Protein backbone atom coordinates (compact mmCIF):
# COMPACT_ATOMS: atom_id res chain seq x y z
CA UNK A 1 75.99 106.65 60.36
CA UNK A 2 79.69 106.60 59.89
CA UNK A 3 81.93 104.06 61.59
CA UNK A 4 83.25 106.71 64.03
CA UNK A 5 79.71 107.67 65.03
CA UNK A 6 78.64 104.07 65.59
CA UNK A 7 81.69 103.40 67.69
CA UNK A 8 81.09 106.51 69.89
CA UNK A 9 77.35 105.42 70.31
CA UNK A 10 78.50 101.90 71.34
CA UNK A 11 80.94 103.29 73.88
CA UNK A 12 78.41 105.59 75.45
CA UNK A 13 75.84 102.79 75.67
CA UNK A 14 78.28 100.43 77.21
CA UNK A 15 79.24 103.14 79.81
CA UNK A 16 75.63 103.81 80.64
CA UNK A 17 74.95 100.10 81.14
CA UNK A 18 77.91 99.72 83.36
CA UNK A 19 76.81 102.69 85.54
CA UNK A 20 73.31 101.20 85.76
CA UNK A 21 74.60 97.75 86.68
CA UNK A 22 76.97 99.07 89.37
CA UNK A 23 74.13 101.04 91.00
CA UNK A 24 71.76 98.04 90.92
CA UNK A 25 74.40 95.80 92.41
CA UNK A 26 74.83 97.96 95.47
CA UNK A 27 77.11 100.59 94.13
CA UNK A 28 80.79 101.11 94.39
CA UNK A 29 82.48 100.74 97.71
CA UNK A 30 80.15 98.11 99.27
CA UNK A 31 82.95 95.63 99.41
CA UNK A 32 83.02 92.54 101.60
CA UNK A 33 80.66 92.83 104.56
CA UNK A 34 82.11 90.09 106.94
CA UNK A 35 85.82 90.61 106.72
CA UNK A 36 87.85 88.00 108.70
CA UNK A 37 91.57 88.00 109.31
CA UNK A 38 93.54 85.36 107.44
CA UNK A 39 94.87 82.57 109.68
CA UNK A 40 98.51 82.99 110.69
CA UNK A 41 100.93 80.55 109.11
CA UNK A 42 104.65 80.18 108.54
CA UNK A 43 106.66 79.02 105.61
CA UNK A 44 110.38 78.95 104.82
CA UNK A 45 111.77 81.15 102.12
CA UNK A 46 114.23 80.16 99.55
CA UNK A 47 117.14 80.69 101.88
CA UNK A 48 115.61 78.59 104.64
CA UNK A 49 114.49 81.40 106.90
CA UNK A 50 111.00 81.28 108.56
CA UNK A 51 108.43 83.76 107.29
CA UNK A 52 105.20 84.38 109.18
CA UNK A 53 102.09 85.96 107.72
CA UNK A 54 101.63 87.98 110.99
CA UNK A 55 105.01 89.78 110.23
CA UNK A 56 103.40 91.44 107.29
CA UNK A 57 100.19 92.73 108.97
CA UNK A 58 98.89 95.85 107.49
CA UNK A 59 100.82 95.32 104.18
CA UNK A 60 99.69 93.86 100.91
CA UNK A 61 100.72 90.15 100.61
CA UNK A 62 100.69 88.19 97.39
CA UNK A 63 100.73 84.42 97.64
CA UNK A 64 101.84 82.68 94.50
CA UNK A 65 101.25 78.92 94.51
């Protein structure tokens, strides 16, 4: 087999294994079953203003520590 054919076979096998694993693990979209809201807390921003987590409800929040 040529290198190109070997690479194609490896990619197909990897994809097949990934699909089989995702189905055995419950499939896509199962997510977290018991979701809980994050506790509300407040911090000060760089300018000294208070920021509360509840002010961003429904939005994506990234906390960088």
